[in-house]
Amino acid sequence: MARSTRPFAAFEWMIAWRYLRARRAEGGISVMTWISLIGIMLAVAALIITLAVRTGFREEFVDTILGANAHVTIHAPITVTETGRTSRAIADYEAMAARIAAVPGVLRAAPLIKGQVMANRGRANAGVEVFGIRADDLAAIPRIAHPEARQGSLADFARGIAIGSGVARELGVYLGDRIRIISPNGVKTAFGTSPRVNAYEVTYIFTAGRYDIDRTRVYLPFGEAQRFFNREGFADEIEVMVEDPEAIDALTPAIREAAGPGTTAWTWRDRSGAFLRALDMEDNVMFVILSILVLIASMNIISGLIMLVKNKGRDIGILRTMGLSQGSVLRVFFLCGALTGLVGTLLGVIVGVLFALNIDQIFALVDYIAGGGVWDPSVRGIYRLPAKLEAGDVASAVALSLFLSFVVTLLPARRAARMNPVEALRYE
């Protein structure tokens, strides 16, 4: 009579290991084992790489939003001018900015002038967006004051203009060159409004890390922007930066109250929320798809174990007649499948982590082989494919792979355990 033994005893591990490393001539399935192992390794590596790229892309995208743009933008109530035009100009911008800056959690509040103009040098033209801002406030914007690359110094900002590297490339200008800014809403004359044209020296060129920012953004000193856009004594909006941008929804009511009645607040989530929600949806879909890929790779274990059980029918019969219980047989074949899943998962983690850590070099090689143009920043917004490994992402990939590997192993292992030893040895 078969007697029960301690679960996963040493002899069960020994038998499982012997079956796994057996040559095909001995009834083993080493080839199928390797196929299962490699499939799980590639599936886990793909899942880890995808999760790392997803995390890195989202972090890079959000960082470029928060590092170069206002976390909250305050607009004044709409008023009607004497000429019948609507306006949101802020007359008491100094007092409003001071009240907002006093709100707990606010880092700074700065008045801003904004306008869309044409930048020109020679025969080159580029549509740009001008931000009129004070030098101290510009120096407090992380992605502008400490960009990925820069030319010149912000100390010279007061005597010229700061432009993005994309604008400089479009116009073909370098540090010290002069560019013209052309606004259609210029000087009012008896014959109508004539365009206003001013020339400025380029004193600072920055690369903020976002294609649309570098390609369109220009900074002018606040006073000069007021004169250029006929905003003397006014500001267009108040730019607010906070300590914790992720908690902006909870802080917005206090900022709006400090700004005054009738004002509106436009947060960075309002501006980019649709894109971030699309990223979340894409992340969930990709995780499901790659989870199915891991499941398909794990199914190879079933094929291998079914073949193993068939080839080892005689051995199972002998082991059962020697006193092994059904539980012991089940655990032997469960270990065969589980070890394959475990080793494949560990190798997948190693491959995935190494790939994610060296993704810049790998992507540069792919781009070189493809002849360039694999990554278009004008479409994707950022200049490179980022990847960031998170312990939670790696743990979720490992947990999913091991869970599926262990579950799919149970069916053929249970079949082996239920094999009748008499039937197994009848024709031996």
Protein backbone atom coordinates (compact mmCIF):
# COMPACT_ATOMS: atom_id res chain seq x y z
CA MET A 1 0.00 0.00 0.00
CA ALA A 2 1.38 3.42 -0.92
CA ARG A 3 2.13 5.54 2.09
CA SER A 4 2.26 9.30 2.11
CA THR A 5 5.59 11.09 2.30
CA ARG A 6 6.67 14.61 3.09
CA PRO A 7 5.60 16.92 0.21
CA PHE A 8 8.41 17.77 -2.20
CA ALA A 9 10.82 15.37 -0.58
CA ALA A 10 14.39 15.08 -1.85
CA PHE A 11 13.67 11.96 -3.93
CA GLU A 12 10.85 13.77 -5.73
CA TRP A 13 13.24 16.55 -6.73
CA MET A 14 15.80 13.94 -7.81
CA ILE A 15 13.32 12.11 -10.05
CA ALA A 16 12.02 15.35 -11.58
CA TRP A 17 15.53 16.57 -12.32
CA ARG A 18 16.45 13.20 -13.85
CA TYR A 19 13.44 13.36 -16.17
CA LEU A 20 14.22 16.94 -17.22
CA ARG A 21 17.80 16.23 -18.18
CA ALA A 22 17.13 12.86 -19.78
CA ARG A 23 18.22 12.42 -23.38
CA ARG A 24 15.63 11.75 -26.04
CA ALA A 25 16.95 8.19 -26.44
CA GLU A 26 16.13 7.58 -22.77
CA GLY A 27 12.55 8.76 -23.19
CA GLY A 28 13.23 12.32 -22.14
CA ILE A 29 11.91 15.47 -23.76
CA SER A 30 14.89 17.78 -23.55
CA VAL A 31 14.02 19.47 -26.86
CA MET A 32 10.46 20.27 -25.77
CA THR A 33 11.78 21.47 -22.43
CA TRP A 34 14.12 23.90 -24.15
CA ILE A 35 11.33 25.14 -26.42
CA SER A 36 9.09 25.78 -23.41
CA LEU A 37 11.89 27.47 -21.50
CA ILE A 38 12.88 29.76 -24.37
CA GLY A 39 9.26 30.66 -25.08
CA ILE A 40 8.63 31.69 -21.48
CA MET A 41 11.93 33.57 -21.35
CA LEU A 42 11.07 35.64 -24.44
CA ALA A 43 7.50 36.28 -23.28
CA VAL A 44 8.58 37.47 -19.82
CA ALA A 45 11.36 39.60 -21.31
CA ALA A 46 8.89 41.20 -23.73
CA LEU A 47 6.48 41.93 -20.89
CA ILE A 48 9.18 43.52 -18.72
CA ILE A 49 10.52 45.61 -21.61
CA THR A 50 7.03 46.81 -22.51
CA LEU A 51 6.23 47.74 -18.91
CA ALA A 52 9.57 49.56 -18.57
CA VAL A 53 9.01 51.53 -21.79
CA ARG A 54 5.45 52.31 -20.75
CA THR A 55 6.61 53.65 -17.39
CA GLY A 56 9.52 55.56 -18.88
CA PHE A 57 7.45 57.13 -21.66
CA ARG A 58 4.74 58.29 -19.27
CA GLU A 59 7.26 59.70 -16.80
CA GLU A 60 9.22 61.50 -19.51
CA PHE A 61 6.07 62.90 -21.07
CA VAL A 62 4.66 64.12 -17.74
CA ASP A 63 8.05 65.52 -16.72
CA THR A 64 8.27 67.60 -19.89
CA ILE A 65 4.75 68.89 -19.23
CA LEU A 66 5.44 69.83 -15.63
CA GLY A 67 8.99 71.02 -16.22
CA ALA A 68 8.26 73.55 -18.95
CA ASN A 69 4.62 74.54 -18.49
CA ALA A 70 2.45 76.06 -15.79
CA HIS A 71 0.86 73.59 -13.42
CA VAL A 72 -2.14 75.93 -13.21
CA THR A 73 -2.99 78.86 -15.47
CA ILE A 74 -5.25 81.57 -14.08
CA HIS A 75 -7.41 83.63 -16.45
CA ALA A 76 -9.35 86.77 -15.54
CA PRO A 77 -13.10 87.10 -16.16
CA ILE A 78 -14.13 88.10 -19.68
CA THR A 79 -14.70 91.83 -20.07
CA VAL A 80 -15.86 93.92 -23.00
CA THR A 81 -13.65 96.83 -24.08
CA GLU A 82 -14.84 100.21 -25.34
CA THR A 83 -14.45 99.01 -28.90
CA GLY A 84 -16.71 96.03 -28.24
CA ARG A 85 -13.95 93.42 -28.15
CA THR A 86 -13.76 90.82 -25.40
CA SER A 87 -10.66 90.68 -23.23
CA ARG A 88 -9.22 88.66 -20.37
CA ALA A 89 -6.43 91.14 -19.58
CA ILE A 90 -5.40 91.26 -15.92
CA ALA A 91 -4.78 94.80 -14.64
CA ASP A 92 -3.93 93.95 -11.01
CA TYR A 93 -1.58 91.11 -11.93
CA GLU A 94 0.98 92.01 -9.24
CA ALA A 95 -1.56 91.76 -6.43
CA MET A 96 -3.18 88.65 -7.89
CA ALA A 97 0.18 86.88 -8.25
CA ALA A 98 1.09 87.80 -4.67
CA ARG A 99 -2.18 86.38 -3.30
CA ILE A 100 -1.78 83.15 -5.23
CA ALA A 101 1.87 82.77 -4.19
CA ALA A 102 0.75 82.96 -0.53
CA VAL A 103 -1.42 79.83 -0.89
CA PRO A 104 0.20 76.86 0.92
CA GLY A 105 1.68 74.44 -1.61
CA VAL A 106 2.31 77.08 -4.30
CA LEU A 107 5.94 77.56 -5.30
CA ARG A 108 5.52 80.68 -7.41
CA ALA A 109 2.98 82.70 -9.36
CA ALA A 110 4.14 84.81 -12.28
CA PRO A 111 2.33 87.16 -14.68
CA LEU A 112 2.63 86.18 -18.31
CA ILE A 113 2.15 87.74 -21.75
CA LYS A 114 1.36 85.34 -24.60
CA GLY A 115 1.03 85.85 -28.31
CA GLN A 116 1.47 84.01 -31.59
CA VAL A 117 3.75 85.68 -34.11
CA MET A 118 5.99 85.03 -37.09
CA ALA A 119 9.73 84.74 -36.52
CA ASN A 120 11.94 85.65 -39.46
CA ARG A 121 15.58 85.70 -40.45
CA GLY A 122 16.44 86.22 -44.06
CA ARG A 123 14.20 83.99 -46.13
CA ALA A 124 13.43 81.60 -43.27
CA ASN A 125 10.14 81.95 -41.38
CA ALA A 126 8.63 80.06 -38.47
CA GLY A 127 5.37 80.39 -36.58
CA VAL A 128 6.18 80.73 -32.88
CA GLU A 129 4.45 81.40 -29.59
CA VAL A 130 5.93 84.23 -27.53
CA PHE A 131 5.92 84.02 -23.73
CA GLY A 132 6.60 87.34 -22.05
CA ILE A 133 8.08 86.57 -18.63
CA ARG A 134 10.43 88.08 -16.06
CA ALA A 135 13.99 86.80 -15.94
CA ASP A 136 13.66 85.51 -12.35
CA ASP A 137 10.50 83.59 -13.22
CA LEU A 138 12.08 82.12 -16.35
CA ALA A 139 15.05 80.94 -14.29
CA ALA A 140 12.59 79.02 -12.06
CA ILE A 141 11.25 76.87 -14.93
CA PRO A 142 13.24 73.59 -14.65
CA ARG A 143 13.21 72.48 -18.29
CA ILE A 144 14.21 75.96 -19.50
CA ALA A 145 16.77 76.89 -16.86
CA HIS A 146 18.25 73.37 -16.79
CA PRO A 147 17.45 71.89 -20.20
CA GLU A 148 18.89 68.82 -21.90
CA ALA A 149 21.11 71.13 -23.98
CA ARG A 150 21.59 74.88 -24.13
CA GLN A 151 23.63 77.67 -25.63
CA GLY A 152 24.21 80.97 -23.90
CA SER A 153 23.15 82.08 -20.44
CA LEU A 154 19.90 83.24 -18.87
CA ALA A 155 21.89 86.10 -17.35
CA ASP A 156 21.73 87.75 -20.80
CA PHE A 157 17.98 87.24 -21.20
CA ALA A 158 17.10 90.85 -20.30
CA ARG A 159 18.85 92.19 -23.42
CA GLY A 160 17.55 89.73 -26.00
CA ILE A 161 15.36 86.73 -26.66
CA ALA A 162 15.41 83.05 -25.65
CA ILE A 163 14.33 80.52 -28.29
CA GLY A 164 13.90 76.77 -28.54
CA SER A 165 16.45 74.70 -30.43
CA GLY A 166 13.79 73.73 -32.98
CA VAL A 167 13.09 77.40 -33.72
CA ALA A 168 16.82 78.05 -34.08
CA ARG A 169 17.16 75.11 -36.45
CA GLU A 170 14.15 76.21 -38.50
CA LEU A 171 15.49 79.74 -38.88
CA GLY A 172 19.13 78.73 -39.16
CA VAL A 173 20.25 81.05 -36.36
CA TYR A 174 22.95 80.74 -33.73
CA LEU A 175 23.78 82.47 -30.50
CA GLY A 176 24.29 86.20 -31.09
CA ASP A 177 22.27 86.34 -34.32
CA ARG A 178 19.29 88.66 -34.60
CA ILE A 179 15.80 87.54 -35.56
CA ARG A 180 12.71 89.56 -36.35
CA ILE A 181 9.38 89.06 -34.60
CA ILE A 182 6.37 90.05 -36.69
CA SER A 183 2.91 90.51 -35.17
CA PRO A 184 -0.15 91.27 -37.34
CA ASN A 185 -1.73 93.17 -34.43
CA GLY A 186 0.72 96.02 -34.34
CA VAL A 187 0.59 99.81 -34.54
CA LYS A 188 -2.78 101.50 -35.05
CA THR A 189 -2.68 104.19 -37.75
CA ALA A 190 -5.21 106.29 -39.66
CA PHE A 191 -5.11 103.61 -42.36
CA GLY A 192 -5.72 100.73 -39.96
CA THR A 193 -3.47 98.42 -37.98
CA SER A 194 -0.05 97.81 -39.47
CA PRO A 195 2.09 94.81 -38.48
CA ARG A 196 4.62 95.39 -35.74
CA VAL A 197 8.17 94.22 -36.43
CA ASN A 198 10.98 94.18 -33.87
CA ALA A 199 14.43 92.62 -34.05
CA TYR A 200 16.05 90.89 -31.07
CA GLU A 201 19.39 89.28 -30.40
CA VAL A 202 19.31 85.56 -29.62
CA THR A 203 20.92 85.29 -26.17
CA TYR A 204 19.77 81.80 -25.12
CA ILE A 205 18.90 78.61 -27.01
CA PHE A 206 17.37 75.71 -25.05
CA THR A 207 16.32 72.11 -25.67
CA ALA A 208 13.52 71.38 -23.24
CA GLY A 209 13.06 67.77 -24.39
CA ARG A 210 9.65 68.21 -26.03
CA TYR A 211 9.53 68.65 -29.79
CA ASP A 212 6.52 70.98 -29.77
CA ILE A 213 8.07 73.23 -27.12
CA ASP A 214 11.48 73.44 -28.77
CA ARG A 215 9.91 73.97 -32.17
CA THR A 216 7.50 76.80 -31.28
CA ARG A 217 8.43 78.49 -28.01
CA VAL A 218 10.12 81.88 -27.64
CA TYR A 219 10.64 83.89 -24.45
CA LEU A 220 10.77 87.70 -24.28
CA PRO A 221 11.37 89.88 -21.21
CA PHE A 222 8.03 90.75 -19.61
CA GLY A 223 8.24 94.52 -20.14
CA GLU A 224 9.31 94.16 -23.76
CA ALA A 225 6.46 91.72 -24.43
CA GLN A 226 3.98 94.20 -22.93
CA ARG A 227 5.16 96.89 -25.32
CA PHE A 228 5.30 94.61 -28.33
CA PHE A 229 1.75 93.26 -27.86
CA ASN A 230 0.22 96.57 -26.70
CA ARG A 231 -0.34 95.21 -23.17
CA GLU A 232 1.18 98.06 -21.16
CA GLY A 233 -0.10 97.74 -17.60
CA PHE A 234 -1.69 94.33 -18.20
CA ALA A 235 -0.91 90.63 -18.15
CA ASP A 236 -2.67 87.91 -20.13
CA GLU A 237 -2.58 85.24 -17.44
CA ILE A 238 -0.92 84.09 -14.21
CA GLU A 239 1.36 81.08 -14.42
CA VAL A 240 1.33 79.02 -11.20
CA MET A 241 3.81 76.31 -10.19
CA VAL A 242 3.05 74.06 -7.20
CA GLU A 243 5.07 71.72 -4.99
CA ASP A 244 3.07 68.58 -5.77
CA PRO A 245 1.65 68.64 -9.31
CA GLU A 246 0.00 65.24 -8.82
CA ALA A 247 -2.24 66.79 -6.12
CA ILE A 248 -3.22 69.76 -8.27
CA ASP A 249 -6.94 68.94 -8.20
CA ALA A 250 -7.06 69.35 -4.42
CA LEU A 251 -5.09 72.61 -4.55
CA THR A 252 -6.97 74.29 -7.41
CA PRO A 253 -9.98 75.55 -5.37
CA ALA A 254 -7.69 77.45 -2.96
CA ILE A 255 -5.76 78.96 -5.88
CA ARG A 256 -8.97 80.03 -7.62
CA GLU A 257 -10.27 81.60 -4.40
CA ALA A 258 -7.02 83.54 -3.93
CA ALA A 259 -7.17 84.73 -7.55
CA GLY A 260 -10.54 86.33 -7.02
CA PRO A 261 -14.15 85.94 -8.13
CA GLY A 262 -14.84 85.17 -11.77
CA THR A 263 -11.37 83.82 -12.50
CA THR A 264 -10.88 80.42 -14.12
CA ALA A 265 -8.14 77.88 -13.50
CA TRP A 266 -6.78 75.59 -16.21
CA THR A 267 -4.60 72.80 -14.79
CA TRP A 268 -2.02 70.65 -16.49
CA ARG A 269 -4.41 67.71 -16.17
CA ASP A 270 -7.08 69.67 -18.05
CA ARG A 271 -4.57 70.39 -20.79
CA SER A 272 -3.11 66.88 -21.16
CA GLY A 273 -5.66 64.67 -19.42
CA ALA A 274 -7.07 63.15 -22.62
CA PHE A 275 -3.61 62.04 -23.78
CA LEU A 276 -2.76 60.59 -20.36
CA ARG A 277 -6.04 58.67 -20.28
CA ALA A 278 -5.25 57.32 -23.74
CA LEU A 279 -1.85 56.20 -22.44
CA ASP A 280 -3.51 54.40 -19.52
CA MET A 281 -5.90 52.60 -21.85
CA GLU A 282 -3.05 51.61 -24.15
CA ASP A 283 -1.04 50.36 -21.18
CA ASN A 284 -3.90 48.12 -20.03
CA VAL A 285 -4.44 46.72 -23.51
CA MET A 286 -0.72 46.00 -23.97
CA PHE A 287 -0.54 44.24 -20.59
CA VAL A 288 -3.48 42.00 -21.52
CA ILE A 289 -1.99 41.17 -24.93
CA LEU A 290 1.42 40.33 -23.49
CA SER A 291 -0.20 38.31 -20.70
CA ILE A 292 -1.81 36.20 -23.41
CA LEU A 293 1.64 35.81 -24.96
CA VAL A 294 2.98 34.51 -21.64
CA LEU A 295 0.03 32.11 -21.44
CA ILE A 296 0.73 30.80 -24.94
CA ALA A 297 4.39 30.27 -24.02
CA SER A 298 3.32 28.47 -20.84
CA MET A 299 1.07 26.14 -22.84
CA ASN A 300 4.21 24.59 -24.31
CA ILE A 301 4.81 23.13 -20.87
CA ILE A 302 1.59 21.11 -21.21
CA SER A 303 2.76 19.64 -24.51
CA GLY A 304 6.12 18.72 -23.05
CA LEU A 305 4.65 17.17 -19.92
CA ILE A 306 2.05 15.15 -21.82
CA MET A 307 4.87 13.68 -23.92
CA LEU A 308 6.90 13.07 -20.78
CA VAL A 309 4.01 11.29 -19.05
CA LYS A 310 3.48 9.13 -22.14
CA ASN A 311 7.16 8.21 -22.41
CA LYS A 312 7.49 7.57 -18.69
CA GLY A 313 4.39 5.38 -18.34
CA ARG A 314 6.49 2.32 -17.49
CA ASP A 315 8.48 4.28 -14.90
CA ILE A 316 5.29 5.58 -13.33
CA GLY A 317 3.94 2.04 -13.03
CA ILE A 318 7.16 0.80 -11.40
CA LEU A 319 7.26 3.77 -8.98
CA ARG A 320 3.65 3.18 -7.99
CA THR A 321 4.27 -0.56 -7.34
CA MET A 322 7.31 0.43 -5.24
CA GLY A 323 5.02 2.41 -2.96
CA LEU A 324 4.89 5.96 -4.33
CA SER A 325 1.57 7.64 -3.69
CA GLN A 326 -0.47 9.53 -6.26
CA GLY A 327 0.57 12.74 -4.51
CA SER A 328 4.26 11.95 -4.97
CA VAL A 329 3.82 11.22 -8.67
CA LEU A 330 1.82 14.42 -9.09
CA ARG A 331 4.53 16.44 -7.37
CA VAL A 332 7.28 14.87 -9.49
CA PHE A 333 5.68 15.95 -12.73
CA PHE A 334 4.56 19.26 -11.25
CA LEU A 335 8.20 19.96 -10.44
CA CYS A 336 9.16 19.13 -14.04
CA GLY A 337 6.83 21.80 -15.37
CA ALA A 338 7.35 24.29 -12.54
CA LEU A 339 11.14 24.16 -12.88
CA THR A 340 10.83 24.88 -16.59
CA GLY A 341 8.60 27.88 -15.85
CA LEU A 342 10.85 29.07 -13.03
CA VAL A 343 14.08 28.91 -15.03
CA GLY A 344 12.42 30.48 -18.07
CA THR A 345 11.03 33.28 -15.92
CA LEU A 346 14.41 33.98 -14.31
CA LEU A 347 16.13 34.08 -17.69
CA GLY A 348 13.35 36.33 -18.99
CA VAL A 349 13.89 38.73 -16.10
CA ILE A 350 17.62 38.88 -16.81
CA VAL A 351 17.10 39.48 -20.55
CA GLY A 352 14.32 42.01 -20.00
CA VAL A 353 16.21 43.98 -17.37
CA LEU A 354 19.41 44.09 -19.45
CA PHE A 355 17.45 45.19 -22.51
CA ALA A 356 15.65 47.94 -20.59
CA LEU A 357 18.88 49.21 -19.02
CA ASN A 358 20.60 49.40 -22.40
CA ILE A 359 17.62 50.46 -24.51
CA ASP A 360 19.32 53.65 -25.75
CA GLN A 361 22.25 51.75 -27.25
CA ILE A 362 19.98 49.03 -28.67
CA PHE A 363 17.60 51.54 -30.19
CA ALA A 364 20.52 53.51 -31.66
CA LEU A 365 21.71 50.29 -33.32
CA VAL A 366 18.23 49.58 -34.71
CA ASP A 367 17.98 53.14 -35.98
CA TYR A 368 21.41 52.83 -37.63
CA ILE A 369 20.50 49.53 -39.31
CA ALA A 370 17.20 50.99 -40.53
CA GLY A 371 18.96 54.03 -41.93
CA GLY A 372 17.46 56.48 -39.40
CA GLY A 373 14.01 57.86 -38.94
CA VAL A 374 12.73 55.03 -36.73
CA TRP A 375 11.69 57.48 -34.01
CA ASP A 376 9.98 60.66 -35.19
CA PRO A 377 9.85 63.27 -32.37
CA SER A 378 7.36 65.38 -34.29
CA VAL A 379 4.84 62.54 -33.89
CA ARG A 380 5.75 61.20 -30.45
CA GLY A 381 6.64 64.52 -28.84
CA ILE A 382 9.87 63.40 -27.15
CA TYR A 383 13.27 62.76 -28.70
CA ARG A 384 14.04 59.24 -27.54
CA LEU A 385 12.44 56.01 -26.40
CA PRO A 386 12.75 56.06 -22.60
CA ALA A 387 12.58 53.06 -20.29
CA LYS A 388 12.34 52.97 -16.51
CA LEU A 389 12.42 49.76 -14.52
CA GLU A 390 10.04 49.60 -11.58
CA ALA A 391 10.22 46.82 -9.01
CA GLY A 392 6.44 46.50 -9.13
CA ASP A 393 6.44 45.98 -12.91
CA VAL A 394 9.11 43.28 -12.73
CA ALA A 395 7.31 41.62 -9.81
CA SER A 396 4.00 41.60 -11.69
CA ALA A 397 5.65 39.99 -14.75
CA VAL A 398 7.32 37.34 -12.58
CA ALA A 399 4.13 36.63 -10.64
CA LEU A 400 2.07 36.29 -13.82
CA SER A 401 4.56 33.96 -15.47
CA LEU A 402 5.00 31.71 -12.43
CA PHE A 403 1.25 31.58 -11.79
CA LEU A 404 0.47 30.53 -15.37
CA SER A 405 3.37 28.06 -15.45
CA PHE A 406 2.24 26.39 -12.24
CA VAL A 407 -1.43 26.28 -13.23
CA VAL A 408 -0.88 24.72 -16.67
CA THR A 409 1.42 22.12 -15.10
CA LEU A 410 -1.31 20.72 -12.87
CA LEU A 411 -3.36 19.06 -15.64
CA PRO A 412 -0.70 16.70 -17.07
CA ALA A 413 0.74 16.12 -13.58
CA ARG A 414 -2.68 15.07 -12.32
CA ARG A 415 -3.06 12.77 -15.32
CA ALA A 416 0.23 11.08 -14.45
CA ALA A 417 -0.80 10.68 -10.82
CA ARG A 418 -4.06 8.96 -11.81
CA MET A 419 -2.37 6.48 -14.14
CA ASN A 420 -3.18 2.86 -13.23
CA PRO A 421 0.12 1.01 -12.61
CA VAL A 422 -1.39 -2.25 -13.88
CA GLU A 423 -2.35 -0.63 -17.18
CA ALA A 424 1.05 1.04 -17.40
CA LEU A 425 2.93 -2.27 -17.04
CA ARG A 426 0.51 -4.54 -18.97
CA TYR A 427 2.50 -4.58 -22.19
CA GLU A 428 5.96 -4.30 -20.64
